[in-house]
N, C-alpha and C. Protein backbone atom coordinates (compact mmCIF):
# COMPACT_ATOMS: atom_id res chain seq x y z
N MET A 1 9.32 -30.55 2.12
CA MET A 1 9.12 -29.35 2.88
C MET A 1 7.61 -29.17 3.09
N ILE A 2 7.27 -28.73 4.27
CA ILE A 2 5.87 -28.46 4.60
C ILE A 2 5.60 -26.98 4.36
N VAL A 3 4.56 -26.68 3.57
CA VAL A 3 4.18 -25.31 3.26
C VAL A 3 2.88 -24.99 3.99
N THR A 4 2.90 -23.90 4.76
CA THR A 4 1.71 -23.47 5.49
C THR A 4 1.48 -21.99 5.20
N VAL A 5 0.28 -21.66 4.78
CA VAL A 5 -0.10 -20.27 4.55
C VAL A 5 -1.29 -19.96 5.46
N LEU A 6 -1.13 -18.95 6.29
CA LEU A 6 -2.18 -18.59 7.24
C LEU A 6 -2.75 -17.22 6.91
N ALA A 7 -4.06 -17.13 6.88
CA ALA A 7 -4.74 -15.85 6.67
C ALA A 7 -4.88 -15.17 8.03
N ILE A 8 -4.30 -14.00 8.15
CA ILE A 8 -4.40 -13.21 9.38
C ILE A 8 -5.57 -12.25 9.19
N LEU A 9 -6.68 -12.56 9.85
CA LEU A 9 -7.91 -11.81 9.64
C LEU A 9 -7.97 -10.52 10.44
N GLU A 10 -7.25 -10.46 11.54
CA GLU A 10 -7.22 -9.24 12.34
C GLU A 10 -6.23 -8.27 11.71
N THR A 11 -6.68 -7.05 11.48
CA THR A 11 -5.82 -6.03 10.90
C THR A 11 -5.79 -4.82 11.81
N ASP A 12 -4.94 -3.87 11.48
CA ASP A 12 -4.85 -2.66 12.28
C ASP A 12 -5.90 -1.62 11.87
N PHE A 13 -6.84 -2.03 11.05
CA PHE A 13 -7.96 -1.17 10.65
C PHE A 13 -9.21 -2.04 10.64
N LYS A 14 -10.37 -1.43 10.79
CA LYS A 14 -11.62 -2.18 10.86
C LYS A 14 -12.54 -1.81 9.70
N PRO A 15 -12.68 -2.71 8.72
CA PRO A 15 -13.63 -2.43 7.64
C PRO A 15 -15.06 -2.58 8.13
N GLU A 16 -15.99 -2.06 7.38
CA GLU A 16 -17.41 -2.21 7.68
C GLU A 16 -17.73 -3.70 7.81
N ALA A 17 -18.69 -4.06 8.66
CA ALA A 17 -18.97 -5.47 8.97
C ALA A 17 -19.24 -6.31 7.73
N SER A 18 -20.09 -5.85 6.83
CA SER A 18 -20.40 -6.66 5.64
C SER A 18 -19.18 -6.77 4.73
N LEU A 19 -18.43 -5.70 4.59
CA LEU A 19 -17.21 -5.73 3.79
C LEU A 19 -16.18 -6.64 4.44
N GLY A 20 -16.09 -6.60 5.76
CA GLY A 20 -15.14 -7.44 6.49
C GLY A 20 -15.39 -8.92 6.26
N LYS A 21 -16.65 -9.32 6.22
CA LYS A 21 -17.00 -10.72 5.99
C LYS A 21 -16.53 -11.17 4.60
N ILE A 22 -16.78 -10.35 3.59
CA ILE A 22 -16.34 -10.67 2.23
C ILE A 22 -14.82 -10.71 2.14
N MET A 23 -14.18 -9.72 2.75
CA MET A 23 -12.72 -9.66 2.71
C MET A 23 -12.09 -10.88 3.38
N ASN A 24 -12.64 -11.28 4.52
CA ASN A 24 -12.09 -12.43 5.24
C ASN A 24 -12.24 -13.71 4.43
N GLU A 25 -13.36 -13.88 3.77
CA GLU A 25 -13.55 -15.07 2.92
C GLU A 25 -12.58 -15.05 1.75
N ARG A 26 -12.41 -13.90 1.14
CA ARG A 26 -11.46 -13.76 0.03
C ARG A 26 -10.04 -14.09 0.50
N LEU A 27 -9.69 -13.65 1.70
CA LEU A 27 -8.36 -13.91 2.23
C LEU A 27 -8.16 -15.40 2.53
N ARG A 28 -9.19 -16.05 3.06
CA ARG A 28 -9.10 -17.50 3.32
C ARG A 28 -8.89 -18.28 2.02
N VAL A 29 -9.61 -17.91 0.99
CA VAL A 29 -9.47 -18.57 -0.32
C VAL A 29 -8.08 -18.31 -0.89
N ALA A 30 -7.61 -17.07 -0.77
CA ALA A 30 -6.27 -16.74 -1.27
C ALA A 30 -5.21 -17.54 -0.54
N ALA A 31 -5.34 -17.72 0.77
CA ALA A 31 -4.37 -18.49 1.55
C ALA A 31 -4.39 -19.95 1.12
N ALA A 32 -5.56 -20.51 0.94
CA ALA A 32 -5.68 -21.91 0.52
C ALA A 32 -5.08 -22.11 -0.87
N ASP A 33 -5.37 -21.20 -1.80
CA ASP A 33 -4.82 -21.30 -3.15
C ASP A 33 -3.31 -21.13 -3.16
N LEU A 34 -2.82 -20.19 -2.39
CA LEU A 34 -1.37 -19.97 -2.32
C LEU A 34 -0.66 -21.21 -1.82
N GLN A 35 -1.23 -21.85 -0.80
CA GLN A 35 -0.62 -23.05 -0.23
C GLN A 35 -0.74 -24.25 -1.15
N ALA A 36 -1.93 -24.51 -1.64
CA ALA A 36 -2.20 -25.75 -2.39
C ALA A 36 -1.78 -25.70 -3.85
N ILE A 37 -1.77 -24.51 -4.44
CA ILE A 37 -1.49 -24.41 -5.87
C ILE A 37 -0.16 -23.72 -6.15
N HIS A 38 -0.05 -22.48 -5.73
CA HIS A 38 1.07 -21.65 -6.13
C HIS A 38 2.40 -22.01 -5.46
N LEU A 39 2.36 -22.38 -4.18
CA LEU A 39 3.59 -22.75 -3.48
C LEU A 39 3.79 -24.26 -3.39
N GLN A 40 2.93 -25.01 -4.03
CA GLN A 40 2.99 -26.48 -3.98
C GLN A 40 4.34 -27.03 -4.44
N PRO A 41 5.03 -26.44 -5.44
CA PRO A 41 6.34 -26.98 -5.83
C PRO A 41 7.39 -26.99 -4.71
N LEU A 42 7.20 -26.16 -3.69
CA LEU A 42 8.14 -26.15 -2.57
C LEU A 42 8.10 -27.45 -1.76
N GLU A 43 6.99 -28.17 -1.83
CA GLU A 43 6.86 -29.40 -1.05
C GLU A 43 7.88 -30.45 -1.47
N ALA A 44 8.39 -30.36 -2.69
CA ALA A 44 9.37 -31.33 -3.18
C ALA A 44 10.80 -30.92 -2.85
N ILE A 45 10.98 -29.77 -2.23
CA ILE A 45 12.33 -29.25 -1.91
C ILE A 45 12.65 -29.52 -0.45
N GLY A 46 13.90 -29.83 -0.18
CA GLY A 46 14.37 -29.96 1.20
C GLY A 46 13.91 -31.23 1.89
N GLN A 47 14.08 -31.23 3.18
CA GLN A 47 13.73 -32.37 4.02
C GLN A 47 12.25 -32.31 4.40
N ARG A 48 11.71 -33.46 4.76
CA ARG A 48 10.29 -33.53 5.14
C ARG A 48 9.99 -32.71 6.41
N ASN A 49 10.99 -32.58 7.29
CA ASN A 49 10.74 -31.87 8.55
C ASN A 49 11.00 -30.36 8.44
N GLU A 50 11.41 -29.87 7.27
CA GLU A 50 11.59 -28.44 7.07
C GLU A 50 10.25 -27.83 6.70
N ASP A 51 10.09 -26.56 7.03
CA ASP A 51 8.83 -25.93 6.68
C ASP A 51 9.02 -24.46 6.35
N VAL A 52 8.04 -23.92 5.66
CA VAL A 52 7.95 -22.49 5.39
C VAL A 52 6.54 -22.05 5.78
N ILE A 53 6.48 -20.98 6.56
CA ILE A 53 5.20 -20.46 7.02
C ILE A 53 5.05 -19.05 6.49
N VAL A 54 3.93 -18.81 5.81
CA VAL A 54 3.66 -17.51 5.21
C VAL A 54 2.36 -16.98 5.81
N TYR A 55 2.41 -15.73 6.26
CA TYR A 55 1.20 -15.04 6.70
C TYR A 55 0.75 -14.13 5.57
N ILE A 56 -0.56 -14.07 5.34
CA ILE A 56 -1.11 -13.07 4.44
C ILE A 56 -2.20 -12.31 5.18
N SER A 57 -2.34 -11.05 4.83
CA SER A 57 -3.32 -10.18 5.46
C SER A 57 -3.62 -9.04 4.48
N TYR A 58 -4.40 -8.09 4.94
CA TYR A 58 -4.68 -6.91 4.13
C TYR A 58 -3.91 -5.72 4.67
N ASN A 59 -3.52 -4.83 3.77
CA ASN A 59 -2.98 -3.56 4.22
C ASN A 59 -4.16 -2.57 4.27
N PRO A 60 -3.96 -1.35 4.76
CA PRO A 60 -5.07 -0.40 4.88
C PRO A 60 -5.73 -0.02 3.54
N LYS A 61 -5.07 -0.31 2.42
CA LYS A 61 -5.66 -0.02 1.11
C LYS A 61 -6.32 -1.27 0.52
N TYR A 62 -6.55 -2.28 1.35
CA TYR A 62 -7.24 -3.52 0.96
C TYR A 62 -6.48 -4.35 -0.07
N LYS A 63 -5.18 -4.24 -0.11
CA LYS A 63 -4.35 -5.09 -0.95
C LYS A 63 -3.83 -6.22 -0.08
N ILE A 64 -3.69 -7.41 -0.65
CA ILE A 64 -3.15 -8.54 0.10
C ILE A 64 -1.64 -8.37 0.24
N ARG A 65 -1.16 -8.57 1.46
CA ARG A 65 0.27 -8.51 1.73
C ARG A 65 0.71 -9.84 2.30
N TRP A 66 1.99 -10.15 2.17
CA TRP A 66 2.52 -11.45 2.60
C TRP A 66 3.81 -11.25 3.38
N ARG A 67 4.14 -12.27 4.19
CA ARG A 67 5.40 -12.26 4.95
C ARG A 67 5.75 -13.69 5.34
N VAL A 68 7.00 -14.09 5.08
CA VAL A 68 7.51 -15.37 5.57
C VAL A 68 7.88 -15.14 7.02
N VAL A 69 7.36 -15.99 7.92
CA VAL A 69 7.53 -15.72 9.35
C VAL A 69 8.49 -16.67 10.06
N ASN A 70 9.06 -17.60 9.32
CA ASN A 70 10.06 -18.46 9.96
C ASN A 70 11.37 -18.35 9.18
N ASP A 71 12.43 -18.87 9.76
CA ASP A 71 13.73 -18.81 9.11
C ASP A 71 13.80 -19.85 8.01
N VAL A 72 14.01 -19.37 6.80
CA VAL A 72 14.16 -20.24 5.63
C VAL A 72 15.35 -19.72 4.83
N SER A 73 15.81 -20.52 3.90
CA SER A 73 16.93 -20.09 3.07
C SER A 73 16.51 -18.92 2.17
N GLU A 74 17.49 -18.21 1.70
CA GLU A 74 17.22 -17.07 0.82
C GLU A 74 16.54 -17.53 -0.47
N ASP A 75 16.89 -18.72 -0.96
CA ASP A 75 16.26 -19.25 -2.17
C ASP A 75 14.76 -19.45 -1.99
N ILE A 76 14.37 -19.98 -0.84
CA ILE A 76 12.96 -20.22 -0.56
C ILE A 76 12.22 -18.89 -0.45
N GLU A 77 12.79 -17.94 0.28
CA GLU A 77 12.14 -16.64 0.44
C GLU A 77 12.03 -15.92 -0.91
N THR A 78 13.05 -16.05 -1.75
CA THR A 78 13.01 -15.45 -3.08
C THR A 78 11.92 -16.08 -3.93
N TYR A 79 11.75 -17.40 -3.84
CA TYR A 79 10.69 -18.08 -4.59
C TYR A 79 9.32 -17.61 -4.13
N VAL A 80 9.12 -17.51 -2.82
CA VAL A 80 7.84 -17.04 -2.29
C VAL A 80 7.59 -15.61 -2.76
N ALA A 81 8.62 -14.77 -2.74
CA ALA A 81 8.48 -13.38 -3.19
C ALA A 81 8.08 -13.32 -4.67
N LYS A 82 8.68 -14.17 -5.48
CA LYS A 82 8.38 -14.20 -6.91
C LYS A 82 6.92 -14.60 -7.14
N VAL A 83 6.49 -15.67 -6.49
CA VAL A 83 5.12 -16.16 -6.65
C VAL A 83 4.11 -15.12 -6.16
N CYS A 84 4.36 -14.57 -4.98
CA CYS A 84 3.42 -13.57 -4.44
C CYS A 84 3.40 -12.31 -5.30
N GLY A 85 4.55 -11.91 -5.81
CA GLY A 85 4.62 -10.75 -6.69
C GLY A 85 3.82 -10.96 -7.96
N GLU A 86 3.91 -12.17 -8.53
CA GLU A 86 3.14 -12.48 -9.74
C GLU A 86 1.64 -12.44 -9.48
N LEU A 87 1.25 -12.72 -8.25
CA LEU A 87 -0.17 -12.69 -7.88
C LEU A 87 -0.64 -11.27 -7.52
N GLY A 88 0.30 -10.34 -7.49
CA GLY A 88 -0.04 -8.96 -7.16
C GLY A 88 -0.05 -8.67 -5.67
N TYR A 89 0.49 -9.58 -4.87
CA TYR A 89 0.55 -9.37 -3.43
C TYR A 89 1.77 -8.51 -3.10
N LEU A 90 1.65 -7.73 -2.03
CA LEU A 90 2.71 -6.84 -1.59
C LEU A 90 3.49 -7.46 -0.44
N ARG A 91 4.79 -7.15 -0.38
CA ARG A 91 5.59 -7.61 0.77
C ARG A 91 5.09 -6.87 2.01
N TRP A 92 4.94 -7.62 3.10
CA TRP A 92 4.41 -7.07 4.35
C TRP A 92 5.58 -6.48 5.12
N ASN A 93 5.71 -5.18 5.06
CA ASN A 93 6.78 -4.48 5.78
C ASN A 93 6.26 -4.08 7.15
N THR A 94 7.11 -4.23 8.14
CA THR A 94 6.74 -3.84 9.50
C THR A 94 7.76 -2.83 10.02
N ALA A 95 7.36 -2.08 11.02
CA ALA A 95 8.26 -1.09 11.62
C ALA A 95 9.42 -1.78 12.35
N ALA A 96 9.14 -2.94 12.94
CA ALA A 96 10.17 -3.70 13.65
C ALA A 96 10.73 -4.77 12.74
N ILE A 97 12.00 -5.02 12.87
CA ILE A 97 12.65 -6.06 12.07
C ILE A 97 12.38 -7.41 12.72
N ASN A 98 12.04 -8.41 11.88
CA ASN A 98 11.79 -9.78 12.33
C ASN A 98 10.76 -9.84 13.45
N ILE A 99 9.67 -9.14 13.27
CA ILE A 99 8.63 -9.09 14.30
C ILE A 99 8.03 -10.46 14.57
N PHE A 100 7.97 -11.34 13.57
CA PHE A 100 7.39 -12.66 13.75
C PHE A 100 8.43 -13.72 13.99
N LYS A 101 9.64 -13.51 13.53
CA LYS A 101 10.66 -14.54 13.63
C LYS A 101 11.22 -14.61 15.03
N GLY A 102 11.49 -15.81 15.50
CA GLY A 102 12.02 -16.01 16.85
C GLY A 102 13.45 -15.52 16.96
N VAL A 103 13.84 -15.19 18.17
CA VAL A 103 15.20 -14.74 18.45
C VAL A 103 15.91 -15.83 19.23
N ASP A 104 17.08 -16.22 18.74
CA ASP A 104 17.85 -17.26 19.43
C ASP A 104 18.68 -16.69 20.54
């Protein structure tokens, strides 16, 4: 399975410029660590052409939030939720259901 974690730097709020630079760097490092270290065991699961894509960003209180944006099994999403929860990340709730997931 291919694991991809993307840092979404654009948020619905604008921090001060110097704070924004630090926050963006912290988010990039968090995305790289989540992909390469924490979610690395997922690479041994499933077929080589399967993938899981996770977006991380900040909420307005500067906490990291996460969301799986593609269709994956419940087991995979539960594993991602467990890992992100242990890291102190919050589930990224949106007003619209499946805002990132494609509609068939």
